[in-house]
Amino acid sequence: MPLAIPPAAAIAIVAIVVAVLMFHRIGASDVCNANEAVEGVFVQQMVEHGKLLFPLENGSIPMYKPPLFHWSAAAIDYAAGIRKVTAANLRFPSALYATAGAILAMLFAYGILGIEGAILAGLVLAGSYQYVILGRFGRVDMTLCFFETLALFAFMRWLPRDSTALASRARVEGNVGALYLMALAMALGVLAKGPVGALLPGLSILIFMIVERRWRQIFAMLDPGAVILGVVLASSWYLACYVGGRYGFLDRQLGDENVGRFFGSLGAMSPVYYLKPILLNSAPFSLFIPVAAATALSPRLRRALFGELDAASDSAEASAVSTPRALTAVRLFAIFYFVTIVFFSLAAYKRRAYLLPVWPASAVMLAWWIRSMPSPPWRRIATLSFATLCAALAIFNFVYIPALEVASCRNDSYRPAAEEIARVVGADEPLYLYGFKEELAPLLFYLGRDAPMLTGRLGDAPPGYIIVPASVWKKREPEALDLEPVLTSDHGSRHLVVLKHGKSYASRSFP
């Protein structure tokens, strides 16, 4: 069923659809989520204060993710001449990586499935609720997703077609650029979120090579130059932390975020936590992906579903999806899907967003699954029906997700309170926090400055201004008679009181 427009134009149209979904009203919602706000504070430190390597939250807390996402945000702001971090430009890197990931998936699908498969892969990502909502979220997850996907696709670009013979020198050298690209992508994955950025695609590739009995090609893949490039780049920020004596960054990133995640220091969660996200994160696609993955791995299931579909099938369309190259690719993607789920199921601390990296590869796998219908009439019906479903879900995402973002933050934003505080407290006057039991990054993001947390008796606070929850001030007022309320801020669920202790010494600094 040939298209009436050139393949490049078709891919461009779907890419524009994805970009619109990502950027439409991207800054309409305030930064209310604590996880997003934490990243926003670190981006502020880079963009507004030039602290590119070792930014601190509130002057003391080291970042717990490597800085590639934050560097991406800073680079975009620098190129655009932006010197103030907002909700919109905090989220721009995720939206760009999401759009680029969709283009990457479509280009790869085009190479193994043809233009219809490429369009279906792009439409799957446009219709995926999880892919779109995390593409509009200012965190590291989409950055990691892009580079893990790039690593898998680069590996497939390198992989020799002959699975039994040793990769010839000419074949390996002819695709040596793909090996370097894979090493670069895995290293950038590490700089996006930590060792998992290389571990998951690397482990999936290793299992794939063993299952496919490509023993000798495992060693052919380990090009010394590519390995050195990957190791040096992946370790660069960690070495900078070590050489610079910033051991707190290493402890938090490697100790808490990695060792702690698998040995319980972050808290234990149910091992079946991912059962619901696997099936319902982006239904109905999330229901289809396990079936498509099982089909890719099981010849018996492929025969049961599609019959003897091979290169001698009844049409060029059918043979396009049954080539050894297509089957090899989807088997790798199926392994990556299951490895990712099992890996994070073993972790003590879990988030649904950890499953995001499976989406681009799974989109290609779903396109292959739909296009594998052996009968041309059924194949056309399945393709059109699936494309229609994708388009309907994309429209839903376009309307619903921005509205949900705004509604979920409407009564939970610190922005109005921070704006009021800025009118009362000078930029050079000491400002402190007291009595908060929650993550304060959403408040710090809108304050745009550090505000050290005080402990002990409120009455012992140093000269300056102190922000306290209204409920805390009500209890502590009798012990702090020297403190004068100068602002009461009530917005939605946020009720704050700003206290003044003595005169505010704008020319002095306090710890």
Protein backbone atom coordinates (compact mmCIF):
# COMPACT_ATOMS: atom_id res chain seq x y z
CA MET A 1 0.00 0.00 0.00
CA PRO A 2 2.35 2.73 -1.26
CA LEU A 3 2.09 6.25 0.12
CA ALA A 4 1.36 9.21 -2.09
CA ILE A 5 4.08 11.32 -0.47
CA PRO A 6 7.86 10.78 -0.28
CA PRO A 7 9.10 8.80 2.74
CA ALA A 8 11.12 11.76 4.06
CA ALA A 9 8.02 13.95 4.02
CA ALA A 10 5.94 11.31 5.80
CA ILE A 11 8.54 10.93 8.54
CA ALA A 12 8.80 14.71 8.86
CA ILE A 13 5.04 15.05 9.29
CA VAL A 14 4.93 12.49 12.10
CA ALA A 15 7.98 14.14 13.71
CA ILE A 16 6.16 17.48 13.67
CA VAL A 17 3.15 15.83 15.32
CA VAL A 18 5.39 14.48 18.09
CA ALA A 19 7.07 17.87 18.52
CA VAL A 20 3.70 19.60 18.83
CA LEU A 21 2.65 17.11 21.50
CA MET A 22 5.84 17.79 23.44
CA PHE A 23 6.02 21.58 23.20
CA HIS A 24 2.32 22.51 23.26
CA ARG A 25 1.72 24.53 26.47
CA ILE A 26 4.88 23.01 27.96
CA GLY A 27 5.27 25.88 30.41
CA ALA A 28 1.60 26.30 31.32
CA SER A 29 1.95 24.31 34.53
CA ASP A 30 4.11 25.52 37.40
CA VAL A 31 6.92 23.38 38.77
CA CYS A 32 5.15 21.64 41.64
CA ASN A 33 6.52 18.10 41.54
CA ALA A 34 9.42 17.78 43.98
CA ASN A 35 11.43 15.53 41.66
CA GLU A 36 11.18 18.00 38.80
CA ALA A 37 11.88 20.95 41.09
CA VAL A 38 15.09 19.36 42.37
CA GLU A 39 16.41 19.16 38.82
CA GLY A 40 15.21 22.70 38.26
CA VAL A 41 17.23 24.00 41.19
CA PHE A 42 20.38 22.39 39.79
CA VAL A 43 19.67 23.83 36.33
CA GLN A 44 19.26 27.24 37.98
CA GLN A 45 22.67 26.87 39.59
CA MET A 46 24.19 26.19 36.18
CA VAL A 47 22.32 28.76 34.10
CA GLU A 48 22.01 31.61 36.59
CA HIS A 49 25.16 31.09 38.67
CA GLY A 50 27.58 29.30 36.33
CA LYS A 51 28.07 26.24 38.56
CA LEU A 52 28.31 23.69 35.77
CA LEU A 53 30.15 20.83 37.48
CA PHE A 54 29.13 20.74 41.13
CA PRO A 55 25.82 22.55 41.75
CA LEU A 56 24.28 22.31 45.20
CA GLU A 57 20.65 22.42 46.27
CA ASN A 58 20.16 25.08 48.92
CA GLY A 59 23.90 25.54 49.26
CA SER A 60 24.62 22.11 50.76
CA ILE A 61 22.90 19.16 49.02
CA PRO A 62 24.82 17.64 46.06
CA MET A 63 23.02 16.55 42.92
CA TYR A 64 22.21 12.84 42.89
CA LYS A 65 22.15 12.36 39.12
CA PRO A 66 24.99 12.97 36.66
CA PRO A 67 24.59 16.31 34.89
CA LEU A 68 23.92 15.55 31.19
CA PHE A 69 20.26 16.61 31.37
CA HIS A 70 21.23 19.76 33.23
CA TRP A 71 24.07 20.50 30.81
CA SER A 72 21.61 20.08 27.95
CA ALA A 73 19.27 22.63 29.54
CA ALA A 74 22.15 25.03 30.17
CA ALA A 75 23.37 24.67 26.58
CA ILE A 76 19.92 25.37 25.17
CA ASP A 77 19.53 28.43 27.38
CA TYR A 78 23.01 29.68 26.46
CA ALA A 79 22.33 29.24 22.74
CA ALA A 80 19.00 31.05 23.08
CA GLY A 81 20.42 33.84 25.23
CA ILE A 82 18.23 32.83 28.18
CA ARG A 83 19.55 33.65 31.65
CA LYS A 84 16.49 32.79 33.76
CA VAL A 85 15.20 29.25 34.30
CA THR A 86 11.44 28.86 33.96
CA ALA A 87 9.10 25.90 33.91
CA ALA A 88 9.19 25.92 30.10
CA ASN A 89 12.93 25.97 29.48
CA LEU A 90 13.48 23.47 32.31
CA ARG A 91 11.37 21.03 30.28
CA PHE A 92 12.77 21.89 26.83
CA PRO A 93 15.57 19.26 26.92
CA SER A 94 13.11 16.45 27.62
CA ALA A 95 10.86 17.61 24.79
CA LEU A 96 13.80 17.80 22.39
CA TYR A 97 15.13 14.38 23.36
CA ALA A 98 11.62 12.92 23.03
CA THR A 99 11.18 14.36 19.55
CA ALA A 100 14.65 13.22 18.53
CA GLY A 101 13.92 9.76 19.94
CA ALA A 102 10.79 9.48 17.81
CA ILE A 103 12.74 10.51 14.70
CA LEU A 104 15.44 7.98 15.56
CA ALA A 105 12.86 5.21 15.94
CA MET A 106 11.21 6.10 12.63
CA LEU A 107 14.51 6.18 10.73
CA PHE A 108 15.51 2.81 12.14
CA ALA A 109 12.09 1.32 11.41
CA TYR A 110 12.25 2.66 7.87
CA GLY A 111 15.49 0.78 7.33
CA ILE A 112 14.08 -2.61 8.36
CA LEU A 113 10.29 -2.31 7.87
CA GLY A 114 9.77 0.29 5.18
CA ILE A 115 7.88 3.56 5.36
CA GLU A 116 4.64 2.07 6.71
CA GLY A 117 6.53 0.57 9.63
CA ALA A 118 8.33 3.87 10.23
CA ILE A 119 5.06 5.80 10.37
CA LEU A 120 3.50 3.27 12.73
CA ALA A 121 6.52 3.45 15.06
CA GLY A 122 6.30 7.24 15.20
CA LEU A 123 2.56 7.17 15.77
CA VAL A 124 2.96 4.68 18.62
CA LEU A 125 5.19 7.17 20.44
CA ALA A 126 2.77 10.01 19.71
CA GLY A 127 -0.04 7.93 21.19
CA SER A 128 1.92 6.65 24.18
CA TYR A 129 0.73 8.45 27.31
CA GLN A 130 3.92 7.71 29.22
CA TYR A 131 6.23 8.79 26.41
CA VAL A 132 4.41 12.10 25.90
CA ILE A 133 3.93 13.03 29.55
CA LEU A 134 7.58 12.30 30.41
CA GLY A 135 8.68 14.17 27.31
CA ARG A 136 7.09 17.23 28.91
CA PHE A 137 8.71 16.69 32.32
CA GLY A 138 11.95 18.31 33.45
CA ARG A 139 13.84 15.24 34.61
CA VAL A 140 16.64 13.00 33.38
CA ASP A 141 14.42 10.11 32.23
CA MET A 142 13.95 11.15 28.60
CA THR A 143 17.64 11.93 28.22
CA LEU A 144 18.45 8.40 29.39
CA CYS A 145 15.76 6.98 27.10
CA PHE A 146 17.26 8.65 24.04
CA PHE A 147 20.80 7.43 24.60
CA GLU A 148 19.83 3.87 25.53
CA THR A 149 17.79 3.75 22.33
CA LEU A 150 20.67 5.18 20.30
CA ALA A 151 23.00 2.53 21.73
CA LEU A 152 20.67 -0.30 20.65
CA PHE A 153 20.15 1.12 17.17
CA ALA A 154 23.89 1.72 16.72
CA PHE A 155 24.58 -1.87 17.73
CA MET A 156 22.13 -3.10 15.11
CA ARG A 157 23.81 -0.88 12.53
CA TRP A 158 27.12 -2.61 13.30
CA LEU A 159 25.88 -6.18 13.72
CA PRO A 160 27.12 -8.46 10.90
CA ARG A 161 24.33 -10.14 8.99
CA ASP A 162 26.01 -13.53 9.13
CA SER A 163 25.27 -14.92 12.58
CA THR A 164 27.43 -18.03 12.22
CA ALA A 165 30.70 -16.85 10.73
CA LEU A 166 33.32 -14.70 12.38
CA ALA A 167 32.80 -11.08 11.39
CA SER A 168 35.35 -10.39 8.67
CA ARG A 169 37.83 -7.59 9.14
CA ALA A 170 36.34 -5.69 6.23
CA ARG A 171 32.81 -5.95 7.63
CA VAL A 172 33.81 -4.79 11.10
CA GLU A 173 35.92 -1.94 9.77
CA GLY A 174 33.13 -0.94 7.41
CA ASN A 175 30.84 -0.36 10.39
CA VAL A 176 33.41 0.77 12.92
CA GLY A 177 31.67 4.13 13.11
CA ALA A 178 28.61 2.35 14.51
CA LEU A 179 30.73 0.86 17.29
CA TYR A 180 32.01 4.29 18.23
CA LEU A 181 28.46 5.64 18.13
CA MET A 182 27.29 2.83 20.40
CA ALA A 183 30.14 3.52 22.85
CA LEU A 184 29.35 7.24 22.78
CA ALA A 185 25.64 6.61 23.37
CA MET A 186 26.26 4.26 26.30
CA ALA A 187 28.71 6.72 27.85
CA LEU A 188 26.22 9.57 27.53
CA GLY A 189 23.59 7.29 29.04
CA VAL A 190 25.88 6.97 32.07
CA LEU A 191 26.23 10.76 32.23
CA ALA A 192 22.43 11.02 32.03
CA LYS A 193 21.56 8.81 34.99
CA GLY A 194 24.48 6.69 36.10
CA PRO A 195 25.86 3.22 35.30
CA VAL A 196 22.40 1.95 34.38
CA GLY A 197 22.69 3.97 31.15
CA ALA A 198 25.32 1.53 29.89
CA LEU A 199 24.38 -1.52 31.95
CA LEU A 200 20.89 -2.11 30.53
CA PRO A 201 21.69 -1.85 26.81
CA GLY A 202 25.03 -3.62 27.38
CA LEU A 203 23.45 -6.50 29.31
CA SER A 204 20.69 -6.82 26.71
CA ILE A 205 23.23 -6.92 23.88
CA LEU A 206 25.32 -9.54 25.70
CA ILE A 207 22.29 -11.78 26.32
CA PHE A 208 21.23 -11.32 22.70
CA MET A 209 24.69 -12.31 21.42
CA ILE A 210 24.70 -15.43 23.61
CA VAL A 211 21.16 -16.45 22.61
CA GLU A 212 22.00 -15.88 18.95
CA ARG A 213 25.24 -17.88 19.38
CA ARG A 214 27.39 -15.02 18.11
CA TRP A 215 30.25 -15.95 20.45
CA ARG A 216 33.15 -14.77 18.34
CA GLN A 217 31.39 -11.55 17.37
CA ILE A 218 31.27 -10.51 21.02
CA PHE A 219 35.04 -10.06 20.87
CA ALA A 220 34.88 -8.45 17.44
CA MET A 221 32.48 -5.88 18.93
CA LEU A 222 35.01 -4.80 21.58
CA ASP A 223 36.92 -2.35 19.42
CA PRO A 224 39.70 -0.92 21.65
CA GLY A 225 39.22 2.65 20.49
CA ALA A 226 35.46 2.53 21.04
CA VAL A 227 35.88 0.94 24.47
CA ILE A 228 38.41 3.57 25.53
CA LEU A 229 36.15 6.36 24.27
CA GLY A 230 33.19 4.98 26.20
CA VAL A 231 35.06 4.42 29.44
CA VAL A 232 36.79 7.82 29.40
CA LEU A 233 33.62 9.76 28.62
CA ALA A 234 31.39 7.79 31.00
CA SER A 235 33.80 8.24 33.90
CA SER A 236 34.67 11.88 33.20
CA TRP A 237 32.26 13.52 35.64
CA TYR A 238 32.91 10.93 38.32
CA LEU A 239 36.65 11.48 37.99
CA ALA A 240 36.09 15.23 38.20
CA CYS A 241 34.20 14.68 41.46
CA TYR A 242 37.01 12.52 42.81
CA VAL A 243 39.85 14.81 41.75
CA GLY A 244 37.92 17.84 43.01
CA GLY A 245 37.29 16.21 46.38
CA ARG A 246 33.52 16.32 45.87
CA TYR A 247 32.98 12.99 47.58
CA GLY A 248 29.42 13.90 48.59
CA PHE A 249 28.42 13.76 44.91
CA LEU A 250 29.99 10.31 44.54
CA ASP A 251 28.43 9.03 47.75
CA ARG A 252 24.99 10.20 46.73
CA GLN A 253 25.17 9.10 43.08
CA LEU A 254 27.00 5.78 43.39
CA GLY A 255 26.19 4.91 46.99
CA ASP A 256 22.60 5.99 47.52
CA GLU A 257 21.31 5.96 43.94
CA ASN A 258 22.90 2.69 42.84
CA VAL A 259 24.10 0.48 45.69
CA GLY A 260 21.31 1.72 47.95
CA ARG A 261 18.72 1.05 45.29
CA PHE A 262 19.55 -2.65 45.25
CA PHE A 263 20.43 -3.21 48.89
CA GLY A 264 17.49 -1.57 50.57
CA SER A 265 18.74 1.76 51.92
CA LEU A 266 16.12 3.56 49.81
CA GLY A 267 13.33 1.37 51.17
CA ALA A 268 11.78 -1.85 49.93
CA MET A 269 8.86 -2.04 47.51
CA SER A 270 6.77 -4.89 46.16
CA PRO A 271 8.57 -6.98 43.50
CA VAL A 272 5.36 -6.94 41.44
CA TYR A 273 5.19 -3.14 41.53
CA TYR A 274 5.62 -2.95 37.76
CA LEU A 275 2.77 -5.31 36.90
CA LYS A 276 0.24 -2.49 36.66
CA PRO A 277 2.52 -0.05 34.77
CA ILE A 278 3.56 -2.79 32.35
CA LEU A 279 -0.07 -3.37 31.40
CA LEU A 280 -1.69 0.02 31.89
CA ASN A 281 0.93 2.79 31.61
CA SER A 282 -0.09 3.51 28.03
CA ALA A 283 -2.94 1.15 27.33
CA PRO A 284 -3.70 -0.37 24.93
CA PHE A 285 -0.11 -0.23 23.60
CA SER A 286 1.28 -1.43 26.91
CA LEU A 287 -0.99 -4.49 26.61
CA PHE A 288 0.29 -5.27 23.11
CA ILE A 289 4.03 -4.90 23.79
CA PRO A 290 4.48 -8.07 25.92
CA VAL A 291 2.69 -10.07 23.24
CA ALA A 292 4.82 -8.54 20.48
CA ALA A 293 7.98 -9.22 22.50
CA ALA A 294 6.98 -12.83 23.10
CA THR A 295 6.19 -13.20 19.40
CA ALA A 296 9.61 -11.85 18.45
CA LEU A 297 11.36 -14.36 20.71
CA SER A 298 9.26 -17.44 19.94
CA PRO A 299 9.25 -18.95 16.43
CA ARG A 300 6.41 -21.23 17.48
CA LEU A 301 4.26 -18.27 18.54
CA ARG A 302 5.11 -16.44 15.29
CA ARG A 303 3.93 -19.44 13.30
CA ALA A 304 0.77 -19.70 15.38
CA LEU A 305 -0.08 -16.03 14.87
CA PHE A 306 1.22 -15.33 11.37
CA GLY A 307 1.84 -18.67 9.72
CA GLU A 308 4.99 -19.35 7.72
CA LEU A 309 5.88 -15.72 7.04
CA ASP A 310 9.24 -15.49 5.32
CA ALA A 311 11.01 -13.84 2.46
CA ALA A 312 9.02 -15.96 -0.03
CA SER A 313 5.68 -14.63 1.20
CA ASP A 314 3.01 -13.33 -1.10
CA SER A 315 4.08 -9.70 -1.29
CA ALA A 316 7.03 -7.35 -0.93
CA GLU A 317 5.26 -5.78 2.05
CA ALA A 318 5.14 -9.10 3.87
CA SER A 319 8.74 -10.01 3.10
CA ALA A 320 9.96 -6.60 4.33
CA VAL A 321 9.03 -7.44 7.90
CA SER A 322 10.17 -11.07 7.71
CA THR A 323 13.76 -10.42 6.64
CA PRO A 324 16.45 -11.80 8.92
CA ARG A 325 17.47 -8.23 9.72
CA ALA A 326 13.99 -7.29 10.94
CA LEU A 327 13.60 -10.47 12.98
CA THR A 328 17.05 -10.01 14.50
CA ALA A 329 16.27 -6.42 15.51
CA VAL A 330 12.97 -7.19 17.18
CA ARG A 331 14.51 -10.09 19.07
CA LEU A 332 17.08 -7.68 20.52
CA PHE A 333 14.34 -5.20 21.41
CA ALA A 334 12.28 -7.93 23.09
CA ILE A 335 15.29 -8.93 25.20
CA PHE A 336 15.87 -5.29 26.13
CA TYR A 337 12.20 -4.98 27.15
CA PHE A 338 12.32 -7.97 29.49
CA VAL A 339 15.79 -7.15 30.86
CA THR A 340 14.67 -3.63 31.78
CA ILE A 341 11.59 -4.89 33.60
CA VAL A 342 13.44 -7.62 35.49
CA PHE A 343 16.33 -5.32 36.39
CA PHE A 344 14.17 -2.66 37.98
CA SER A 345 11.88 -5.21 39.58
CA LEU A 346 14.89 -6.29 41.63
CA ALA A 347 15.54 -2.74 42.83
CA ALA A 348 14.40 -1.70 46.29
CA TYR A 349 13.08 1.65 45.10
CA LYS A 350 10.95 1.80 41.97
CA ARG A 351 9.35 4.43 39.74
CA ARG A 352 7.11 3.97 36.74
CA ALA A 353 9.35 6.30 34.76
CA TYR A 354 12.12 3.70 34.86
CA LEU A 355 10.25 1.81 32.13
CA LEU A 356 10.39 4.79 29.75
CA PRO A 357 13.54 3.64 27.85
CA VAL A 358 11.72 0.61 26.45
CA TRP A 359 9.33 2.75 24.41
CA PRO A 360 11.21 3.67 21.21
CA ALA A 361 12.47 0.13 20.65
CA SER A 362 9.04 -1.24 21.59
CA ALA A 363 7.41 1.15 19.10
CA VAL A 364 9.50 -0.44 16.33
CA MET A 365 8.62 -3.89 17.67
CA LEU A 366 4.90 -3.05 17.66
CA ALA A 367 5.14 -1.75 14.08
CA TRP A 368 6.80 -5.02 13.08
CA TRP A 369 4.08 -7.01 14.86
CA ILE A 370 1.24 -5.18 13.12
CA ARG A 371 2.94 -5.38 9.72
CA SER A 372 3.53 -9.13 10.12
CA MET A 373 -0.01 -10.06 9.17
CA PRO A 374 0.49 -12.62 6.37
CA SER A 375 -2.65 -11.80 4.38
CA PRO A 376 -2.52 -8.48 2.46
CA PRO A 377 -6.18 -7.56 3.19
CA TRP A 378 -5.78 -8.26 6.91
CA ARG A 379 -2.44 -6.47 6.93
CA ARG A 380 -3.98 -3.34 5.43
CA ILE A 381 -6.92 -3.48 7.85
CA ALA A 382 -4.62 -3.97 10.84
CA THR A 383 -2.30 -1.15 9.72
CA LEU A 384 -5.10 1.34 9.13
CA SER A 385 -6.91 0.39 12.33
CA PHE A 386 -3.75 0.64 14.38
CA ALA A 387 -2.79 3.98 12.81
CA THR A 388 -6.28 5.30 13.54
CA LEU A 389 -5.99 4.18 17.16
CA CYS A 390 -2.59 5.90 17.44
CA ALA A 391 -3.99 9.12 15.97
CA ALA A 392 -6.93 9.09 18.38
CA LEU A 393 -4.62 8.58 21.36
CA ALA A 394 -2.32 11.34 20.12
CA ILE A 395 -5.28 13.73 20.01
CA PHE A 396 -6.23 12.64 23.52
CA ASN A 397 -2.67 13.32 24.71
CA PHE A 398 -2.70 16.74 23.04
CA VAL A 399 -5.86 17.78 24.88
CA TYR A 400 -5.67 15.89 28.16
CA ILE A 401 -2.04 15.99 29.26
CA PRO A 402 -1.56 19.80 29.35
CA ALA A 403 -4.91 20.19 31.12
CA LEU A 404 -3.93 17.52 33.65
CA GLU A 405 -0.58 19.20 34.29
CA VAL A 406 -2.24 22.54 35.02
CA ALA A 407 -5.01 21.04 37.16
CA SER A 408 -2.62 18.92 39.25
CA CYS A 409 -0.59 22.00 40.14
CA ARG A 410 -3.33 24.56 40.49
CA ASN A 411 -3.53 24.42 44.30
CA ASP A 412 -0.04 23.11 44.97
CA SER A 413 2.31 25.75 43.61
CA TYR A 414 4.77 27.81 45.63
CA ARG A 415 5.12 30.37 42.82
CA PRO A 416 2.57 32.95 44.14
CA ALA A 417 4.04 32.74 47.65
CA ALA A 418 7.59 33.09 46.33
CA GLU A 419 6.63 36.17 44.33
CA GLU A 420 5.13 37.76 47.44
CA ILE A 421 8.20 36.90 49.50
CA ALA A 422 10.47 38.46 46.88
CA ARG A 423 8.59 41.75 47.25
CA VAL A 424 9.18 41.75 51.01
CA VAL A 425 12.70 40.29 51.28
CA GLY A 426 15.55 41.92 49.43
CA ALA A 427 17.80 39.76 47.29
CA ASP A 428 20.77 40.45 49.60
CA GLU A 429 18.90 40.05 52.86
CA PRO A 430 19.28 36.81 54.85
CA LEU A 431 16.44 34.37 54.37
CA TYR A 432 15.91 31.07 56.20
CA LEU A 433 13.43 28.20 56.39
CA TYR A 434 12.08 26.61 59.53
CA GLY A 435 9.69 23.79 60.38
CA PHE A 436 9.24 22.21 56.93
CA LYS A 437 9.04 18.41 56.66
CA GLU A 438 8.74 18.14 52.88
CA GLU A 439 11.15 18.50 49.98
CA LEU A 440 11.53 22.25 49.54
CA ALA A 441 12.90 22.32 46.01
CA PRO A 442 9.56 23.61 44.60
CA LEU A 443 9.79 26.63 46.93
CA LEU A 444 13.51 27.15 46.34
CA PHE A 445 12.98 26.99 42.57
CA TYR A 446 10.60 29.94 42.67
CA LEU A 447 12.55 31.82 45.31
CA GLY A 448 15.53 31.57 42.98
CA ARG A 449 17.97 31.61 45.90
CA ASP A 450 19.27 29.58 48.81
CA ALA A 451 17.38 29.63 52.10
CA PRO A 452 19.17 27.53 54.75
CA MET A 453 17.06 25.33 56.99
CA LEU A 454 17.16 26.27 60.68
CA THR A 455 16.81 23.78 63.51
CA GLY A 456 16.41 24.14 67.25
CA ARG A 457 14.21 26.81 68.85
CA LEU A 458 12.55 29.26 66.51
CA GLY A 459 13.29 32.03 68.98
CA ASP A 460 17.03 31.43 68.48
CA ALA A 461 16.87 32.23 64.76
CA PRO A 462 19.57 34.65 63.52
CA PRO A 463 18.68 38.16 62.30
CA GLY A 464 16.87 38.17 58.99
CA TYR A 465 13.70 36.68 57.57
CA ILE A 466 12.34 33.21 58.29
CA ILE A 467 9.72 31.36 56.25
CA VAL A 468 7.61 28.98 58.30
CA PRO A 469 4.44 27.00 57.61
CA ALA A 470 1.44 28.76 59.14
CA SER A 471 0.69 25.68 61.25
CA VAL A 472 4.20 25.71 62.71
CA TRP A 473 4.04 29.43 63.52
CA LYS A 474 0.77 28.91 65.34
CA LYS A 475 2.46 26.38 67.65
CA ARG A 476 5.79 28.16 68.04
CA GLU A 477 4.69 31.75 68.40
CA PRO A 478 4.91 31.77 72.24
CA GLU A 479 8.61 30.82 72.11
CA ALA A 480 9.50 33.44 69.48
CA LEU A 481 8.23 36.75 70.84
CA ASP A 482 11.05 38.67 69.16
CA LEU A 483 9.95 37.59 65.69
CA GLU A 484 7.52 39.82 63.81
CA PRO A 485 5.19 38.45 61.11
CA VAL A 486 5.57 40.63 58.01
CA LEU A 487 3.73 38.48 55.46
CA THR A 488 1.03 35.85 55.48
CA SER A 489 0.69 34.03 52.18
CA ASP A 490 -2.27 31.76 51.47
CA HIS A 491 -2.50 30.17 48.02
CA GLY A 492 -4.24 26.87 47.50
CA SER A 493 -2.74 24.31 49.86
CA ARG A 494 0.25 26.53 50.65
CA HIS A 495 -0.01 28.61 53.83
CA LEU A 496 3.18 30.39 54.81
CA VAL A 497 4.21 33.08 57.25
CA VAL A 498 7.32 35.22 56.81
CA LEU A 499 8.86 36.38 60.07
CA LYS A 500 11.38 39.14 60.62
CA HIS A 501 13.92 38.86 63.41
CA GLY A 502 15.54 42.14 64.36
CA LYS A 503 16.67 44.36 61.56
CA SER A 504 17.63 42.68 58.29
CA TYR A 505 21.29 43.17 57.56
CA ALA A 506 21.44 43.39 53.80
CA SER A 507 25.19 43.96 53.87
CA ARG A 508 25.93 40.92 56.04
CA SER A 509 25.99 37.24 55.15
CA PHE A 510 24.95 34.39 57.38
CA PRO A 511 25.72 30.68 57.17
